[in-house]
Protein backbone atom coordinates (compact mmCIF):
# COMPACT_ATOMS: atom_id res chain seq x y z
CA UNK A 1 -0.01 -0.05 0.07
CA UNK A 2 1.23 3.50 -0.84
CA UNK A 3 2.00 6.01 1.91
CA UNK A 4 3.34 9.64 1.86
CA UNK A 5 6.75 8.40 2.64
CA UNK A 6 6.74 6.13 -0.37
CA UNK A 7 5.45 8.92 -2.64
CA UNK A 8 8.22 11.24 -1.42
CA UNK A 9 11.03 8.58 -1.83
CA UNK A 10 13.94 9.32 -1.88
CA UNK A 11 13.30 12.50 0.08
CA UNK A 12 12.67 11.81 3.76
CA UNK A 13 9.24 12.98 5.10
CA UNK A 14 10.66 15.20 7.72
CA UNK A 15 12.83 17.00 5.21
CA UNK A 16 9.86 17.47 2.87
CA UNK A 17 7.81 18.96 5.69
CA UNK A 18 10.58 21.35 6.74
CA UNK A 19 11.67 22.47 3.23
CA UNK A 20 8.79 22.14 0.82
CA UNK A 21 5.37 21.59 2.45
CA UNK A 22 3.18 24.70 1.61
CA UNK A 23 6.29 26.55 0.66
CA UNK A 24 8.40 25.22 -2.42
CA UNK A 25 7.59 22.81 -5.17
CA UNK A 26 9.85 19.88 -5.70
CA UNK A 27 10.30 17.19 -8.40
CA UNK A 28 10.93 13.59 -7.02
CA UNK A 29 12.37 11.14 -9.58
CA UNK A 30 10.92 7.63 -9.21
CA UNK A 31 13.46 4.75 -9.31
CA UNK A 32 10.66 2.36 -10.82
CA UNK A 33 8.67 3.61 -13.76
CA UNK A 34 6.01 1.08 -13.12
CA UNK A 35 5.39 1.84 -9.41
CA UNK A 36 2.11 3.68 -9.92
CA UNK A 37 0.53 1.29 -12.38
CA UNK A 38 -1.03 -0.79 -9.56
CA UNK A 39 -2.99 2.41 -8.71
CA UNK A 40 -4.22 3.09 -12.08
CA UNK A 41 -3.84 2.19 -15.75
CA UNK A 42 -5.31 2.50 -19.28
CA UNK A 43 -7.33 -0.64 -18.51
CA UNK A 44 -8.89 0.95 -15.35
CA UNK A 45 -9.66 4.09 -17.39
CA UNK A 46 -11.48 2.13 -19.99
CA UNK A 47 -13.29 0.09 -17.38
CA UNK A 48 -14.64 3.35 -15.76
CA UNK A 49 -15.69 4.70 -19.21
CA UNK A 50 -17.34 1.33 -20.23
CA UNK A 51 -19.09 0.37 -17.03
CA UNK A 52 -19.75 3.58 -15.00
CA UNK A 53 -22.29 6.18 -15.85
CA UNK A 54 -20.33 9.38 -15.11
CA UNK A 55 -22.18 12.75 -15.10
CA UNK A 56 -20.48 15.31 -17.21
CA UNK A 57 -19.40 18.39 -15.29
CA UNK A 58 -19.37 16.65 -11.95
CA UNK A 59 -17.64 13.39 -12.40
CA UNK A 60 -16.14 13.67 -15.86
CA UNK A 61 -14.79 16.71 -17.51
CA UNK A 62 -12.97 17.83 -20.70
CA UNK A 63 -10.44 20.71 -21.00
CA UNK A 64 -8.30 22.34 -23.64
CA UNK A 65 -6.39 25.59 -23.34
CA UNK A 66 -8.32 28.49 -24.92
CA UNK A 67 -11.24 26.28 -25.90
CA UNK A 68 -14.69 25.68 -24.31
CA UNK A 69 -17.27 22.93 -24.83
CA UNK A 70 -20.72 24.40 -25.46
CA UNK A 71 -22.60 21.08 -25.71
CA UNK A 72 -22.89 18.56 -22.88
CA UNK A 73 -21.32 15.31 -23.97
CA UNK A 74 -22.98 12.42 -22.19
CA UNK A 75 -21.81 9.22 -23.93
CA UNK A 76 -18.34 7.57 -24.31
CA UNK A 77 -18.63 8.06 -28.15
CA UNK A 78 -18.81 11.86 -27.50
CA UNK A 79 -16.02 11.85 -25.02
CA UNK A 80 -13.76 10.03 -27.57
CA UNK A 81 -14.66 12.59 -30.24
CA UNK A 82 -13.42 15.42 -27.92
CA UNK A 83 -10.35 13.43 -27.07
CA UNK A 84 -9.61 13.15 -30.89
CA UNK A 85 -9.91 16.87 -30.83
CA UNK A 86 -7.17 17.23 -28.32
CA UNK A 87 -9.27 17.74 -25.16
CA UNK A 88 -7.84 16.49 -21.92
CA UNK A 89 -10.21 13.90 -20.29
CA UNK A 90 -10.48 14.26 -16.44
CA UNK A 91 -12.36 12.01 -14.07
CA UNK A 92 -12.88 13.39 -10.65
CA UNK A 93 -12.92 11.61 -7.15
CA UNK A 94 -11.27 8.38 -7.99
CA UNK A 95 -11.04 7.55 -4.33
CA UNK A 96 -14.86 7.05 -4.41
CA UNK A 97 -14.43 4.51 -7.26
CA UNK A 98 -11.33 2.30 -7.01
CA UNK A 99 -10.29 0.62 -3.74
CA UNK A 100 -6.46 1.17 -4.37
CA UNK A 101 -7.04 4.89 -4.86
CA UNK A 102 -9.30 5.00 -1.63
CA UNK A 103 -6.42 3.24 0.29
CA UNK A 104 -4.01 5.90 -1.16
CA UNK A 105 -6.18 8.97 -0.14
CA UNK A 106 -6.88 7.43 3.32
CA UNK A 107 -3.18 6.83 3.90
CA UNK A 108 -2.33 10.49 2.91
CA UNK A 109 -4.97 11.75 5.24
CA UNK A 110 -3.72 9.73 8.16
CA UNK A 111 -0.10 11.00 7.44
CA UNK A 112 -0.85 14.62 7.09
CA UNK A 113 -4.11 15.23 8.91
CA UNK A 114 -5.93 16.88 6.07
CA UNK A 115 -8.54 15.75 3.63
CA UNK A 116 -7.42 14.50 0.17
CA UNK A 117 -8.92 13.42 -3.20
CA UNK A 118 -7.59 12.08 -6.34
CA UNK A 119 -8.40 13.04 -10.02
CA UNK A 120 -7.22 11.47 -13.18
CA UNK A 121 -6.05 13.44 -16.22
CA UNK A 122 -5.60 11.80 -19.67
CA UNK A 123 -3.90 14.10 -22.17
CA UNK A 124 -2.88 13.87 -25.71
CA UNK A 125 0.53 14.51 -27.41
CA UNK A 126 1.56 18.25 -27.45
CA UNK A 127 -1.74 19.24 -25.82
CA UNK A 128 -2.27 21.67 -22.91
CA UNK A 129 -5.52 21.24 -20.91
CA UNK A 130 -5.39 24.51 -18.95
CA UNK A 131 -3.94 27.91 -19.01
CA UNK A 132 -1.47 28.92 -16.38
CA UNK A 133 -3.29 28.80 -13.04
CA UNK A 134 -2.95 28.26 -9.35
CA UNK A 135 -4.92 25.90 -7.10
CA UNK A 136 -6.44 26.53 -3.66
CA UNK A 137 -5.11 23.19 -2.35
CA UNK A 138 -1.67 21.26 -2.10
CA UNK A 139 -1.06 19.16 -5.22
CA UNK A 140 0.95 15.93 -5.83
CA UNK A 141 1.24 14.80 -9.52
CA UNK A 142 1.86 11.03 -9.97
CA UNK A 143 2.87 10.41 -13.58
CA UNK A 144 1.65 6.97 -14.74
CA UNK A 145 2.02 6.81 -18.54
CA UNK A 146 3.75 9.00 -21.05
CA UNK A 147 5.50 12.12 -20.26
CA UNK A 148 4.39 15.73 -19.43
CA UNK A 149 6.28 18.98 -19.27
CA UNK A 150 5.47 21.07 -16.11
CA UNK A 151 6.27 24.70 -15.54
CA UNK A 152 5.86 26.09 -11.84
CA UNK A 153 6.18 29.67 -10.73
CA UNK A 154 6.01 31.47 -7.36
CA UNK A 155 2.76 32.48 -5.82
CA UNK A 156 1.51 36.06 -6.15
CA UNK A 157 -0.95 35.75 -3.24
CA UNK A 158 -0.18 33.78 -0.13
CA UNK A 159 -2.46 30.92 0.84
CA UNK A 160 -5.42 31.49 -1.60
CA UNK A 161 -8.66 30.20 -0.35
CA UNK A 162 -11.51 28.84 -2.59
CA UNK A 163 -11.04 30.72 -5.84
CA UNK A 164 -14.30 29.16 -7.21
CA UNK A 165 -16.29 31.01 -4.54
CA UNK A 166 -14.42 34.21 -5.10
CA UNK A 167 -13.00 34.19 -1.65
CA UNK A 168 -9.35 35.03 -2.67
CA UNK A 169 -8.29 38.08 -4.67
CA UNK A 170 -6.86 37.30 -8.11
CA UNK A 171 -3.56 39.19 -8.17
CA UNK A 172 -2.55 38.32 -11.77
CA UNK A 173 -0.01 36.01 -13.23
CA UNK A 174 3.63 35.78 -11.83
CA UNK A 175 6.13 38.31 -13.12
CA UNK A 176 9.37 36.43 -12.63
CA UNK A 177 10.60 33.26 -14.33
CA UNK A 178 9.48 29.77 -13.27
CA UNK A 179 11.57 28.02 -10.68
CA UNK A 180 10.62 24.49 -11.96
CA UNK A 181 10.68 23.42 -15.55
CA UNK A 182 10.66 19.60 -15.84
CA UNK A 183 9.51 16.75 -17.71
CA UNK A 184 7.82 14.05 -15.73
CA UNK A 185 8.24 10.46 -16.73
CA UNK A 186 6.42 7.42 -15.38
CA UNK A 187 7.10 6.91 -11.68
CA UNK A 188 7.93 10.52 -11.12
CA UNK A 189 6.21 12.87 -8.53
CA UNK A 190 5.70 16.68 -8.64
CA UNK A 191 4.62 18.57 -5.56
CA UNK A 192 3.05 21.98 -6.20
CA UNK A 193 2.14 24.19 -3.11
CA UNK A 194 -1.25 25.98 -2.85
CA UNK A 195 -1.10 29.23 -4.81
CA UNK A 196 1.90 28.47 -6.97
CA UNK A 197 1.21 29.09 -10.61
CA UNK A 198 1.60 26.11 -13.09
CA UNK A 199 0.75 24.64 -16.47
CA UNK A 200 1.46 21.44 -18.16
CA UNK A 201 1.98 20.09 -21.78
CA UNK A 202 1.91 16.51 -22.70
CA UNK A 203 4.89 14.94 -24.51
CA UNK A 204 5.09 13.00 -27.71
CA UNK A 205 2.67 10.20 -26.50
CA UNK A 206 -0.52 9.93 -24.58
CA UNK A 207 -0.07 10.95 -21.02
CA UNK A 208 -1.88 9.56 -17.88
CA UNK A 209 -1.41 10.99 -14.37
CA UNK A 210 -3.12 11.21 -11.05
CA UNK A 211 -3.47 14.58 -9.21
CA UNK A 212 -3.63 13.98 -5.50
CA UNK A 213 -5.07 17.11 -3.90
CA UNK A 214 -4.87 17.91 -0.18
CA UNK A 215 -7.31 20.46 1.02
CA UNK A 216 -5.94 21.74 4.35
CA UNK A 217 -8.15 23.33 6.99
CA UNK A 218 -7.24 26.91 7.98
CA UNK A 219 -7.68 29.38 10.78
CA UNK A 220 -10.88 30.56 9.15
CA UNK A 221 -12.27 26.97 9.24
CA UNK A 222 -11.46 26.84 12.90
CA UNK A 223 -13.31 30.15 13.60
CA UNK A 224 -16.41 28.72 11.80
CA UNK A 225 -16.31 25.69 13.97
CA UNK A 226 -15.87 27.68 17.05
CA UNK A 227 -18.91 29.88 16.08
CA UNK A 228 -20.97 26.71 15.75
CA UNK A 229 -19.70 25.65 19.21
CA UNK A 230 -20.59 28.91 20.78
CA UNK A 231 -24.25 28.84 19.63
CA UNK A 232 -25.08 26.86 22.75
CA UNK A 233 -24.12 29.81 24.95
CA UNK A 234 -26.86 32.52 25.54
CA UNK A 235 -24.41 35.44 25.55
CA UNK A 236 -23.39 34.58 21.93
CA UNK A 237 -26.95 34.40 20.74
CA UNK A 238 -27.85 37.83 22.04
CA UNK A 239 -28.62 40.63 19.71
CA UNK A 240 -25.91 43.19 19.15
CA UNK A 241 -26.84 46.61 20.69
CA UNK A 242 -29.00 48.93 18.58
CA UNK A 243 -27.41 51.83 16.87
CA UNK A 244 -29.48 54.84 17.78
CA UNK A 245 -29.10 58.09 15.76
CA UNK A 246 -25.71 56.84 14.49
CA UNK A 247 -24.26 56.43 18.03
CA UNK A 248 -22.12 53.27 17.83
CA UNK A 249 -20.39 53.50 21.23
CA UNK A 250 -22.57 50.71 22.79
CA UNK A 251 -21.85 48.47 19.77
CA UNK A 252 -18.20 49.14 19.92
CA UNK A 253 -17.98 48.22 23.62
CA UNK A 254 -20.11 45.14 23.11
CA UNK A 255 -17.84 43.90 20.24
CA UNK A 256 -14.77 44.59 22.47
CA UNK A 257 -16.43 42.41 25.21
CA UNK A 258 -17.01 39.59 22.69
CA UNK A 259 -13.33 39.80 21.60
CA UNK A 260 -12.38 39.51 25.22
CA UNK A 261 -14.41 36.50 25.71
CA UNK A 262 -12.76 34.97 22.76
CA UNK A 263 -9.44 35.71 24.17
CA UNK A 264 -10.40 34.07 27.41
CA UNK A 265 -11.13 30.76 25.55
CA UNK A 266 -7.25 30.42 25.02
CA UNK A 267 -7.11 28.72 28.53
CA UNK A 268 -10.10 26.24 27.82
CA UNK A 269 -8.25 23.04 27.16
CA UNK A 270 -11.46 21.09 26.77
CA UNK A 271 -12.32 23.24 23.78
CA UNK A 272 -9.04 22.55 22.27
CA UNK A 273 -9.40 18.85 22.63
CA UNK A 274 -12.84 19.15 21.23
CA UNK A 275 -11.60 20.75 18.06
CA UNK A 276 -8.66 18.27 17.65
CA UNK A 277 -11.30 15.40 17.99
CA UNK A 278 -13.42 17.08 15.27
CA UNK A 279 -10.43 17.69 13.08
CA UNK A 280 -9.19 14.08 13.27
CA UNK A 281 -12.57 12.39 12.69
CA UNK A 282 -14.05 14.48 9.91
CA UNK A 283 -11.25 14.61 7.38
CA UNK A 284 -12.03 11.40 5.57
CA UNK A 285 -12.66 11.84 1.86
CA UNK A 286 -15.26 9.09 1.64
CA UNK A 287 -18.60 8.45 3.22
CA UNK A 288 -18.91 5.75 5.89
CA UNK A 289 -17.77 2.36 4.79
CA UNK A 290 -20.68 -0.08 3.88
CA UNK A 291 -20.56 -3.85 4.83
CA UNK A 292 -23.61 -5.90 4.12
CA UNK A 293 -25.45 -7.89 5.36
CA UNK A 294 -24.11 -7.09 8.93
CA UNK A 295 -25.17 -3.47 8.85
CA UNK A 296 -28.63 -4.25 7.64
CA UNK A 297 -29.85 -5.75 10.86
CA UNK A 298 -30.85 -9.00 9.04
CA UNK A 299 -27.52 -10.56 10.03
CA UNK A 300 -26.61 -9.09 13.41
CA UNK A 301 -23.28 -10.10 14.93
CA UNK A 302 -23.18 -13.81 15.61
CA UNK A 303 -22.11 -15.14 19.05
CA UNK A 304 -19.97 -17.47 17.08
CA UNK A 305 -16.61 -17.06 18.88
CA UNK A 306 -14.74 -17.03 15.58
CA UNK A 307 -16.50 -14.15 14.19
CA UNK A 308 -13.80 -11.55 13.13
CA UNK A 309 -14.13 -7.80 13.18
CA UNK A 310 -11.96 -5.12 11.84
CA UNK A 311 -11.83 -1.38 12.02
CA UNK A 312 -13.38 0.71 9.18
CA UNK A 313 -10.58 1.39 6.60
CA UNK A 314 -11.40 4.83 5.44
CA UNK A 315 -13.31 6.50 8.43
CA UNK A 316 -11.04 7.51 11.45
CA UNK A 317 -12.42 6.83 14.92
CA UNK A 318 -11.32 8.67 18.09
CA UNK A 319 -12.15 7.24 21.50
CA UNK A 320 -12.28 9.50 24.70
CA UNK A 321 -12.72 8.25 28.24
CA UNK A 322 -14.13 10.30 31.07
CA UNK A 323 -13.04 8.77 34.37
CA UNK A 324 -15.47 10.76 36.43
CA UNK A 325 -18.52 9.68 34.66
CA UNK A 326 -16.98 6.18 33.62
CA UNK A 327 -18.12 7.09 30.05
CA UNK A 328 -16.50 6.27 26.70
CA UNK A 329 -17.20 8.72 23.91
CA UNK A 330 -16.65 7.29 20.42
CA UNK A 331 -16.37 10.05 17.78
CA UNK A 332 -16.89 8.85 14.24
CA UNK A 333 -17.31 11.42 11.55
CA UNK A 334 -19.99 13.72 12.66
CA UNK A 335 -21.54 11.02 15.03
CA UNK A 336 -20.92 10.55 18.71
CA UNK A 337 -21.58 7.30 20.64
CA UNK A 338 -21.69 7.40 24.35
CA UNK A 339 -21.11 4.11 26.34
CA UNK A 340 -21.74 3.82 30.08
CA UNK A 341 -19.73 1.45 32.25
CA UNK A 342 -17.91 -0.33 29.44
CA UNK A 343 -14.70 -2.02 30.58
CA UNK A 344 -11.72 0.17 29.72
CA UNK A 345 -9.59 -2.74 28.60
CA UNK A 346 -12.32 -4.02 26.20
CA UNK A 347 -12.84 -0.59 24.47
CA UNK A 348 -9.04 0.07 24.26
CA UNK A 349 -8.44 -3.24 22.55
CA UNK A 350 -11.51 -2.85 20.22
CA UNK A 351 -9.90 0.26 18.62
CA UNK A 352 -6.25 -0.53 19.19
CA UNK A 353 -6.20 -3.63 17.08
CA UNK A 354 -6.39 -4.15 13.35
CA UNK A 355 -8.75 -6.94 13.69
CA UNK A 356 -10.03 -9.41 16.45
CA UNK A 357 -12.43 -12.24 17.00
CA UNK A 358 -15.53 -12.34 19.34
CA UNK A 359 -13.66 -14.83 21.39
CA UNK A 360 -10.84 -12.36 22.01
CA UNK A 361 -13.26 -9.54 22.95
CA UNK A 362 -15.03 -11.87 25.49
CA UNK A 363 -11.56 -12.49 27.06
CA UNK A 364 -11.02 -8.76 27.61
CA UNK A 365 -14.24 -8.44 29.71
CA UNK A 366 -14.64 -11.80 31.52
CA UNK A 367 -17.06 -10.25 34.02
CA UNK A 368 -19.70 -9.41 31.29
CA UNK A 369 -22.16 -11.76 29.61
CA UNK A 370 -20.90 -12.74 26.04
CA UNK A 371 -24.35 -12.59 24.43
CA UNK A 372 -26.15 -9.90 26.41
CA UNK A 373 -23.24 -7.51 26.91
CA UNK A 374 -20.21 -8.15 24.56
CA UNK A 375 -22.11 -9.23 21.43
CA UNK A 376 -24.78 -6.54 21.90
CA UNK A 377 -22.00 -3.78 22.10
CA UNK A 378 -20.17 -5.12 19.11
CA UNK A 379 -23.42 -5.29 17.18
CA UNK A 380 -24.08 -1.59 17.93
CA UNK A 381 -20.63 -0.64 16.70
CA UNK A 382 -21.04 -2.75 13.62
CA UNK A 383 -24.36 -1.29 12.67
CA UNK A 384 -23.03 2.26 13.27
CA UNK A 385 -19.96 1.50 10.99
CA UNK A 386 -17.21 1.85 13.47
CA UNK A 387 -16.44 -1.83 13.24
CA UNK A 388 -17.15 -4.24 10.27
CA UNK A 389 -17.24 -8.03 10.04
CA UNK A 390 -14.48 -9.32 7.89
CA UNK A 391 -16.44 -12.49 7.04
CA UNK A 392 -20.21 -12.01 7.58
CA UNK A 393 -22.00 -15.28 8.30
CA UNK A 394 -23.43 -16.86 5.13
CA UNK A 395 -27.11 -17.44 4.67
């Protein structure tokens, strides 16, 4: 399975984070030209086009520098016609379609703590899909087939936000020369920081590459999260003072008071922990993992001692324990499960191990009834999607 360290090889991860992450693009030459082919290939592209109905504009796109598509191609035949005309073919969100890509995106999210997604770009010899532009997320280019020439220049606006929602100012194209001009070959990786200008032109043969985009949360995101948290407090729901006859003195004093209350929150460690839990459990790029028939209720967890469970592959889980109330809180995406009186050793083992059997779980809580307590708890966690049966019982 691919991880961030293997994508960056031969550069050590700590060096990349120190010298390049969010600051400077870098080219990483692969020692094995075939190393990305297990992730994606021409065969997999053709499978997606032949057997998946992809919605144009959302799931599949076409792009060519200086040209627009005025119709709405809906069939593979129409997509091929545009490819023959030199348009780059793009398929979005591959992590929602292919298990190997889902594993890659999940591994990057665990390594860096921010959400990732993977798009595919299929380009034709000598063609350029996009004008010079910058992105509002970090970008890793994984070259799979053919070659592509990339040109990367410095940013003109630090840390741009969502340009598609007109949040960031457009400061125009870079004035200086590019600091990267390179040809990517199969197995190579190019990292481009958010905001750095770039464009690419395919080489002498068809090019296939993956773009792994990492969308990092910012201080603005944290402020929005904090605003949601504060809605439960009466003081933050109060109306701001009226402005009578243009006198803003009361309003100014009230705003200063609110700013003081925010400053006082700096000492609230519980609030810090609450945000960290939210940050770590809501970054996943995929919806909750599905495992039928177990989650349907028709095949609840068996009391067979060899039933084996595993953690969800793509959805991070965080477990908190409050010793005062003897409660476990299991945070899973936007959901929270509270367990009263569950043995600490049992819960620790359930979420520390890659997989386990029901027999092992019973051994971690010998004072509890296997069917009424242990199996019932595991059934709840399976139906919620926190745990999944590796081998659901057959009919």
